[in-house]
């Protein structure tokens, strides 16, 4: 079997270099026996359990230009499309996390091309669901992160239910445990950490922190080039996302994770979900806004607290409750410990293996 993995950034390189957790390949890393690197490309050798063969990697957002103007970015995307047009037919399976790719080629498959190639697509942005599942609709399998997204997809096109799979994304717990065992970690002076950037409502969080005085740490990038007053209770850390090692000690020593997402129209993509995975792996409570796609899991399993999106007062109350009430904190932490026991990247990978095998049989 020849499998082509298409992703928006070369996570496979950073994982091999031990800079990122394996869950950034969404369960695929655990299906690979070994890697061959000839200096120009990386090829993985798939395990026999999934069918054996080779896996090749393609970065769909790799920049052909050094400039970042929108017109050039559009040209870059078109160049990738043209290049892939001639590559895809060489593979038995195209596994696409950069879902825009198989939306286009799925449509061509629907029109009769690529008959021998199977497409497996992770769909994670609800804004594209209607287009992907109706007009395009050519993938042999669609995978969704959360039940919220899966249920929404079924409302859009229930006719393709037999091609849609819920495969919840969980963390590479062993990596966090290894760090904890190797580090001489002392308790941080900061209770909360917000370790995200994309679609975070940092203005709201900073406003709340100025009022509740609870020690909190956030990314320097969150306030870079912005005229924002940083409260005395808030510290900044410098982390640019290409190496987990830079932040692991800070994560491990914090007591809870806070994920404040901005108010938006419609259902959100899984913004903040990597921070949720951090909380699961670290077995610590989490506070998030109620528009997060994983908010129902937090509320239903009592592993954290959920506040009303954009409500400074509600976020203030929830942070204060978790900080002041040790009994509540211990209860939520114990629930998270129980919740995390069977929720690791190994479960995600096993389900992915079943999906690949099932897709190849069709």
Protein backbone atom coordinates (compact mmCIF):
# COMPACT_ATOMS: atom_id res chain seq x y z
CA UNK A 1 0.00 0.00 0.00
CA UNK A 2 1.18 3.51 -0.83
CA UNK A 3 -0.33 6.24 1.32
CA UNK A 4 0.04 10.00 0.83
CA UNK A 5 -0.36 12.12 3.96
CA UNK A 6 -1.26 15.76 3.17
CA UNK A 7 -0.94 18.26 6.01
CA UNK A 8 -0.91 22.06 6.41
CA UNK A 9 2.52 22.05 8.08
CA UNK A 10 5.37 19.49 8.26
CA UNK A 11 4.55 18.11 11.71
CA UNK A 12 6.20 14.81 10.77
CA UNK A 13 9.62 16.49 10.69
CA UNK A 14 9.16 18.07 14.11
CA UNK A 15 7.87 14.81 15.62
CA UNK A 16 10.86 12.86 14.30
CA UNK A 17 13.12 15.55 15.79
CA UNK A 18 11.24 15.14 19.10
CA UNK A 19 9.95 18.71 19.02
CA UNK A 20 6.23 17.90 18.90
CA UNK A 21 3.94 15.32 20.47
CA UNK A 22 2.94 12.47 18.18
CA UNK A 23 -0.74 13.44 18.34
CA UNK A 24 0.04 16.20 15.82
CA UNK A 25 -0.16 13.46 13.16
CA UNK A 26 -3.71 12.65 14.39
CA UNK A 27 -3.09 8.96 15.03
CA UNK A 28 -0.98 8.22 11.95
CA UNK A 29 2.40 8.21 13.73
CA UNK A 30 1.41 5.18 15.81
CA UNK A 31 0.75 3.22 12.59
CA UNK A 32 4.33 3.71 11.36
CA UNK A 33 7.16 1.29 12.14
CA UNK A 34 10.12 3.41 11.05
CA UNK A 35 11.19 6.37 8.91
CA UNK A 36 13.68 6.70 6.08
CA UNK A 37 15.14 10.14 5.48
CA UNK A 38 17.26 10.70 2.38
CA UNK A 39 17.74 14.38 3.11
CA UNK A 40 15.13 15.52 0.58
CA UNK A 41 12.05 13.61 1.73
CA UNK A 42 10.83 11.45 4.58
CA UNK A 43 9.17 8.09 3.93
CA UNK A 44 7.51 6.03 6.64
CA UNK A 45 7.14 2.25 6.72
CA UNK A 46 3.61 1.31 7.73
CA UNK A 47 2.92 -1.46 10.24
CA UNK A 48 1.55 -4.77 8.98
CA UNK A 49 -1.55 -4.34 11.14
CA UNK A 50 -2.70 -1.49 8.92
CA UNK A 51 -1.73 -3.23 5.70
CA UNK A 52 2.00 -2.52 5.42
CA UNK A 53 3.58 -0.45 2.69
CA UNK A 54 4.89 3.10 2.64
CA UNK A 55 3.61 6.50 3.68
CA UNK A 56 4.77 9.69 1.96
CA UNK A 57 4.27 13.23 3.25
CA UNK A 58 3.22 16.41 1.47
CA UNK A 59 2.99 19.89 3.03
CA UNK A 60 0.08 21.60 1.29
CA UNK A 61 0.92 25.04 2.67
CA UNK A 62 4.63 25.00 1.91
CA UNK A 63 5.56 28.42 0.59
CA UNK A 64 6.97 28.81 -2.89
CA UNK A 65 7.42 32.53 -2.22
CA UNK A 66 8.94 34.47 0.63
CA UNK A 67 6.26 37.16 0.52
CA UNK A 68 2.97 36.82 2.36
CA UNK A 69 0.62 38.94 0.30
CA UNK A 70 -2.78 37.39 -0.26
CA UNK A 71 -2.42 37.28 -4.03
CA UNK A 72 0.78 35.29 -3.72
CA UNK A 73 -0.79 32.94 -1.20
CA UNK A 74 -3.57 32.21 -3.69
CA UNK A 75 -0.96 31.48 -6.36
CA UNK A 76 0.88 29.20 -3.93
CA UNK A 77 -2.28 27.20 -3.28
CA UNK A 78 -2.93 26.89 -7.02
CA UNK A 79 0.60 25.60 -7.58
CA UNK A 80 0.05 22.93 -4.95
CA UNK A 81 -3.22 21.97 -6.62
CA UNK A 82 -1.58 21.63 -10.03
CA UNK A 83 1.31 19.63 -8.60
CA UNK A 84 -0.98 17.25 -6.72
CA UNK A 85 -3.13 16.78 -9.82
CA UNK A 86 -0.40 14.54 -11.23
CA UNK A 87 0.75 12.99 -7.95
CA UNK A 88 -2.45 11.69 -6.36
CA UNK A 89 -3.15 8.90 -8.86
CA UNK A 90 0.10 7.16 -7.83
CA UNK A 91 -1.25 6.38 -4.37
CA UNK A 92 -3.71 3.83 -3.00
CA UNK A 93 -4.85 6.20 -0.24
CA UNK A 94 -4.71 9.98 0.14
CA UNK A 95 -5.08 10.91 3.81
CA UNK A 96 -5.79 14.62 3.97
CA UNK A 97 -5.77 16.80 7.05
CA UNK A 98 -5.58 19.95 4.90
CA UNK A 99 -9.20 19.34 3.93
CA UNK A 100 -9.37 21.94 1.13
CA UNK A 101 -7.24 19.59 -0.98
CA UNK A 102 -9.61 16.64 -1.12
CA UNK A 103 -12.60 18.94 -1.48
CA UNK A 104 -11.27 19.75 -4.96
CA UNK A 105 -9.97 16.30 -5.84
CA UNK A 106 -12.97 14.65 -4.20
CA UNK A 107 -15.13 16.53 -6.67
CA UNK A 108 -12.96 15.23 -9.54
CA UNK A 109 -13.27 11.72 -8.10
CA UNK A 110 -17.03 12.17 -8.00
CA UNK A 111 -16.84 13.06 -11.70
CA UNK A 112 -15.07 9.78 -12.47
CA UNK A 113 -11.35 10.49 -12.00
CA UNK A 114 -9.02 8.81 -9.48
CA UNK A 115 -11.09 5.62 -9.44
CA UNK A 116 -8.29 3.54 -7.89
CA UNK A 117 -7.31 6.08 -5.23
CA UNK A 118 -9.17 6.18 -1.91
CA UNK A 119 -9.58 9.54 -0.15
CA UNK A 120 -9.75 9.88 3.64
CA UNK A 121 -10.46 13.42 4.83
CA UNK A 122 -10.36 14.96 8.30
CA UNK A 123 -13.13 17.57 8.38
CA UNK A 124 -12.60 20.02 11.21
CA UNK A 125 -13.95 23.39 10.05
CA UNK A 126 -17.78 23.47 10.04
CA UNK A 127 -17.71 26.46 7.70
CA UNK A 128 -16.67 24.08 4.91
CA UNK A 129 -18.89 21.12 5.83
CA UNK A 130 -21.74 21.95 3.47
CA UNK A 131 -19.44 22.34 0.48
CA UNK A 132 -17.33 19.30 1.35
CA UNK A 133 -20.24 16.96 2.03
CA UNK A 134 -22.58 17.97 -0.81
CA UNK A 135 -21.00 19.59 -3.87
CA UNK A 136 -17.62 17.88 -3.45
CA UNK A 137 -18.62 14.76 -1.55
CA UNK A 138 -16.10 12.48 -3.25
CA UNK A 139 -14.07 11.26 -0.29
CA UNK A 140 -14.37 7.61 0.63
CA UNK A 141 -14.22 8.45 4.34
CA UNK A 142 -14.74 11.59 6.42
CA UNK A 143 -13.39 11.83 9.96
CA UNK A 144 -14.60 14.27 12.63
CA UNK A 145 -12.87 15.35 15.86
CA UNK A 146 -15.96 15.72 18.03
CA UNK A 147 -19.52 14.42 18.26
CA UNK A 148 -20.70 18.03 17.89
CA UNK A 149 -19.12 18.24 14.42
CA UNK A 150 -20.18 14.71 13.47
CA UNK A 151 -23.83 15.39 14.36
CA UNK A 152 -23.75 18.65 12.42
CA UNK A 153 -22.38 16.83 9.36
CA UNK A 154 -25.18 14.26 9.57
CA UNK A 155 -27.73 17.07 9.52
CA UNK A 156 -26.16 18.41 6.33
CA UNK A 157 -25.98 15.12 4.41
CA UNK A 158 -27.29 12.01 6.22
CA UNK A 159 -27.05 10.02 2.96
CA UNK A 160 -23.29 9.59 3.39
CA UNK A 161 -23.49 8.35 6.98
CA UNK A 162 -21.71 5.11 6.03
CA UNK A 163 -18.67 7.17 4.99
CA UNK A 164 -18.55 9.36 8.10
CA UNK A 165 -16.66 8.44 11.26
CA UNK A 166 -16.31 10.01 14.69
CA UNK A 167 -12.71 9.63 15.83
CA UNK A 168 -12.09 11.82 18.85
CA UNK A 169 -8.60 13.28 19.03
CA UNK A 170 -6.65 12.52 22.20
CA UNK A 171 -3.11 13.27 23.40
CA UNK A 172 0.26 11.56 23.34
CA UNK A 173 0.15 11.00 27.11
CA UNK A 174 3.47 9.14 27.25
CA UNK A 175 5.36 12.21 26.06
CA UNK A 176 3.99 14.31 28.92
CA UNK A 177 4.69 11.57 31.45
CA UNK A 178 8.26 11.20 30.21
CA UNK A 179 8.80 14.92 30.61
CA UNK A 180 7.33 14.88 34.08
CA UNK A 181 9.65 12.02 35.08
CA UNK A 182 12.73 13.68 33.58
CA UNK A 183 12.14 17.17 34.95
CA UNK A 184 12.68 18.39 38.45
CA UNK A 185 9.38 20.25 38.29
CA UNK A 186 8.41 22.51 41.13
CA UNK A 187 4.97 24.03 41.48
CA UNK A 188 4.62 27.15 39.36
CA UNK A 189 3.80 30.49 40.89
CA UNK A 190 1.17 30.71 38.15
CA UNK A 191 -2.14 28.95 38.69
CA UNK A 192 -3.57 29.29 35.17
CA UNK A 193 -1.89 29.03 31.80
CA UNK A 194 -3.38 30.05 28.45
CA UNK A 195 -1.01 28.45 25.94
CA UNK A 196 -2.88 29.31 22.74
CA UNK A 197 -3.02 32.02 20.10
CA UNK A 198 -5.61 31.32 17.40
CA UNK A 199 -9.04 32.90 18.00
CA UNK A 200 -8.31 33.49 21.69
CA UNK A 201 -10.04 36.34 23.49
CA UNK A 202 -6.96 37.56 25.30
CA UNK A 203 -8.39 41.03 25.85
CA UNK A 204 -11.20 39.48 27.90
CA UNK A 205 -8.78 37.28 29.84
CA UNK A 206 -6.45 40.17 30.66
CA UNK A 207 -9.39 42.28 31.79
CA UNK A 208 -10.50 39.47 34.12
CA UNK A 209 -6.97 38.89 35.42
CA UNK A 210 -6.68 42.59 36.26
CA UNK A 211 -9.72 42.16 38.50
CA UNK A 212 -9.18 38.76 40.11
CA UNK A 213 -5.37 39.05 40.61
CA UNK A 214 -4.95 35.32 40.02
CA UNK A 215 -1.42 34.45 38.80
CA UNK A 216 -1.73 33.59 35.10
CA UNK A 217 0.71 33.14 32.25
CA UNK A 218 -0.04 33.68 28.55
CA UNK A 219 1.91 33.72 25.30
CA UNK A 220 3.89 36.82 24.39
CA UNK A 221 2.47 36.48 20.87
CA UNK A 222 -0.99 37.12 22.26
CA UNK A 223 -0.14 40.73 22.97
CA UNK A 224 2.62 41.36 20.43
CA UNK A 225 2.17 44.64 18.53
CA UNK A 226 -0.97 45.43 20.53
CA UNK A 227 -1.50 48.31 22.91
CA UNK A 228 -2.65 46.28 25.89
CA UNK A 229 -1.91 46.81 29.55
CA UNK A 230 -0.53 43.68 31.19
CA UNK A 231 -1.78 43.23 34.78
CA UNK A 232 0.80 42.56 37.49
CA UNK A 233 -0.68 39.09 38.03
CA UNK A 234 0.05 38.08 34.39
CA UNK A 235 3.38 36.92 33.01
CA UNK A 236 4.33 36.39 29.37
CA UNK A 237 6.22 33.46 27.92
CA UNK A 238 7.95 33.27 24.58
CA UNK A 239 6.83 30.28 22.50
CA UNK A 240 6.41 30.17 18.75
CA UNK A 241 4.89 26.74 18.27
CA UNK A 242 7.66 24.77 16.54
CA UNK A 243 9.00 23.02 19.63
CA UNK A 244 6.89 21.74 22.54
CA UNK A 245 10.00 21.42 24.67
CA UNK A 246 10.04 25.20 25.15
CA UNK A 247 6.80 25.22 27.10
CA UNK A 248 6.52 21.74 28.62
CA UNK A 249 7.93 22.63 32.03
CA UNK A 250 5.59 25.61 32.32
CA UNK A 251 2.61 23.45 31.36
CA UNK A 252 3.50 20.68 33.78
CA UNK A 253 3.95 23.06 36.69
CA UNK A 254 0.65 24.94 36.16
CA UNK A 255 -2.51 24.03 38.05
CA UNK A 256 -5.13 24.56 35.33
CA UNK A 257 -5.55 25.61 31.71
CA UNK A 258 -7.87 28.40 30.59
CA UNK A 259 -9.13 28.56 26.99
CA UNK A 260 -10.98 31.83 26.25
CA UNK A 261 -12.30 31.77 22.66
CA UNK A 262 -13.69 34.74 20.77
CA UNK A 263 -17.37 35.08 19.96
CA UNK A 264 -18.07 34.10 16.35
CA UNK A 265 -21.06 33.39 14.18
CA UNK A 266 -21.89 29.75 13.63
CA UNK A 267 -20.23 26.61 14.94
CA UNK A 268 -16.52 26.91 15.64
CA UNK A 269 -13.68 24.89 14.22
CA UNK A 270 -11.76 23.03 16.94
CA UNK A 271 -9.95 26.15 18.15
CA UNK A 272 -8.28 25.55 21.48
CA UNK A 273 -8.43 21.77 21.19
CA UNK A 274 -4.66 21.29 21.49
CA UNK A 275 -4.82 23.07 24.85
CA UNK A 276 -7.66 20.73 25.82
CA UNK A 277 -5.39 17.80 24.88
CA UNK A 278 -2.69 19.31 27.10
CA UNK A 279 -5.13 19.38 30.01
CA UNK A 280 -6.10 15.73 29.43
CA UNK A 281 -2.46 14.61 29.24
CA UNK A 282 -1.52 16.64 32.32
CA UNK A 283 -4.69 15.54 34.15
CA UNK A 284 -5.55 19.05 35.29
CA UNK A 285 -8.87 20.96 35.18
CA UNK A 286 -9.68 23.29 32.31
CA UNK A 287 -11.86 26.39 31.96
CA UNK A 288 -13.21 27.22 28.50
CA UNK A 289 -15.84 29.33 26.78
CA UNK A 290 -19.11 27.59 25.94
CA UNK A 291 -18.62 27.98 22.18
CA UNK A 292 -15.65 25.56 22.15
CA UNK A 293 -16.46 22.35 20.30
CA UNK A 294 -15.17 20.36 23.28
CA UNK A 295 -17.13 22.36 25.90
CA UNK A 296 -19.84 19.65 26.19
CA UNK A 297 -17.18 17.06 27.09
CA UNK A 298 -15.88 19.32 29.84
CA UNK A 299 -19.34 19.99 31.29
CA UNK A 300 -20.70 16.44 30.93
CA UNK A 301 -17.64 14.77 32.47
CA UNK A 302 -17.14 17.44 35.15
CA UNK A 303 -13.46 17.86 34.28
CA UNK A 304 -13.52 21.65 34.35
CA UNK A 305 -15.76 24.69 34.16
CA UNK A 306 -17.48 26.34 31.19
CA UNK A 307 -18.25 30.06 31.09
CA UNK A 308 -20.53 32.08 28.82
CA UNK A 309 -18.56 33.28 25.79
CA UNK A 310 -17.52 36.95 25.97
CA UNK A 311 -18.81 37.31 29.55
CA UNK A 312 -16.04 38.81 31.67
CA UNK A 313 -18.16 38.40 34.80
CA UNK A 314 -18.76 34.70 34.20
CA UNK A 315 -15.09 34.03 33.40
CA UNK A 316 -14.16 36.00 36.54
CA UNK A 317 -16.49 33.85 38.65
CA UNK A 318 -15.27 30.53 37.16
CA UNK A 319 -11.58 31.37 37.57
CA UNK A 320 -12.21 32.58 41.13
CA UNK A 321 -14.17 29.43 42.00
CA UNK A 322 -11.42 27.10 40.78
CA UNK A 323 -8.68 29.15 42.44
CA UNK A 324 -10.39 29.61 45.84
CA UNK A 325 -12.25 26.31 46.27
CA UNK A 326 -9.71 23.52 46.86
CA UNK A 327 -12.47 20.93 47.26
CA UNK A 328 -13.89 21.83 43.85
CA UNK A 329 -10.42 21.84 42.30
CA UNK A 330 -9.57 18.40 43.73
CA UNK A 331 -12.90 16.98 42.56
CA UNK A 332 -12.43 18.24 38.99
CA UNK A 333 -8.82 17.06 38.93
CA UNK A 334 -9.86 13.59 40.12
CA UNK A 335 -12.51 13.48 37.41
CA UNK A 336 -9.88 14.46 34.83
CA UNK A 337 -7.58 11.68 36.03
CA UNK A 338 -10.39 9.18 35.51
CA UNK A 339 -11.40 10.76 32.18
CA UNK A 340 -7.85 10.56 30.82
CA UNK A 341 -7.29 6.86 31.54
CA UNK A 342 -8.72 5.60 28.26
CA UNK A 343 -8.32 8.72 26.18
CA UNK A 344 -4.91 8.69 24.54
CA UNK A 345 -3.60 8.94 21.01
CA UNK A 346 -3.48 5.13 20.96
CA UNK A 347 -7.29 5.03 20.94
CA UNK A 348 -7.40 7.62 18.15
CA UNK A 349 -4.81 5.63 16.19
CA UNK A 350 -6.64 2.30 16.60
CA UNK A 351 -9.85 3.84 15.24
CA UNK A 352 -7.89 5.39 12.35
CA UNK A 353 -6.39 1.97 11.56
CA UNK A 354 -9.89 0.47 11.39
CA UNK A 355 -11.05 3.30 9.10
CA UNK A 356 -8.11 2.79 6.73
CA UNK A 357 -8.66 -0.98 6.55
CA UNK A 358 -12.40 -0.51 6.03
CA UNK A 359 -11.82 2.10 3.32
CA UNK A 360 -9.37 -0.09 1.42
CA UNK A 361 -11.94 -2.90 1.30
CA UNK A 362 -14.61 -0.73 -0.34
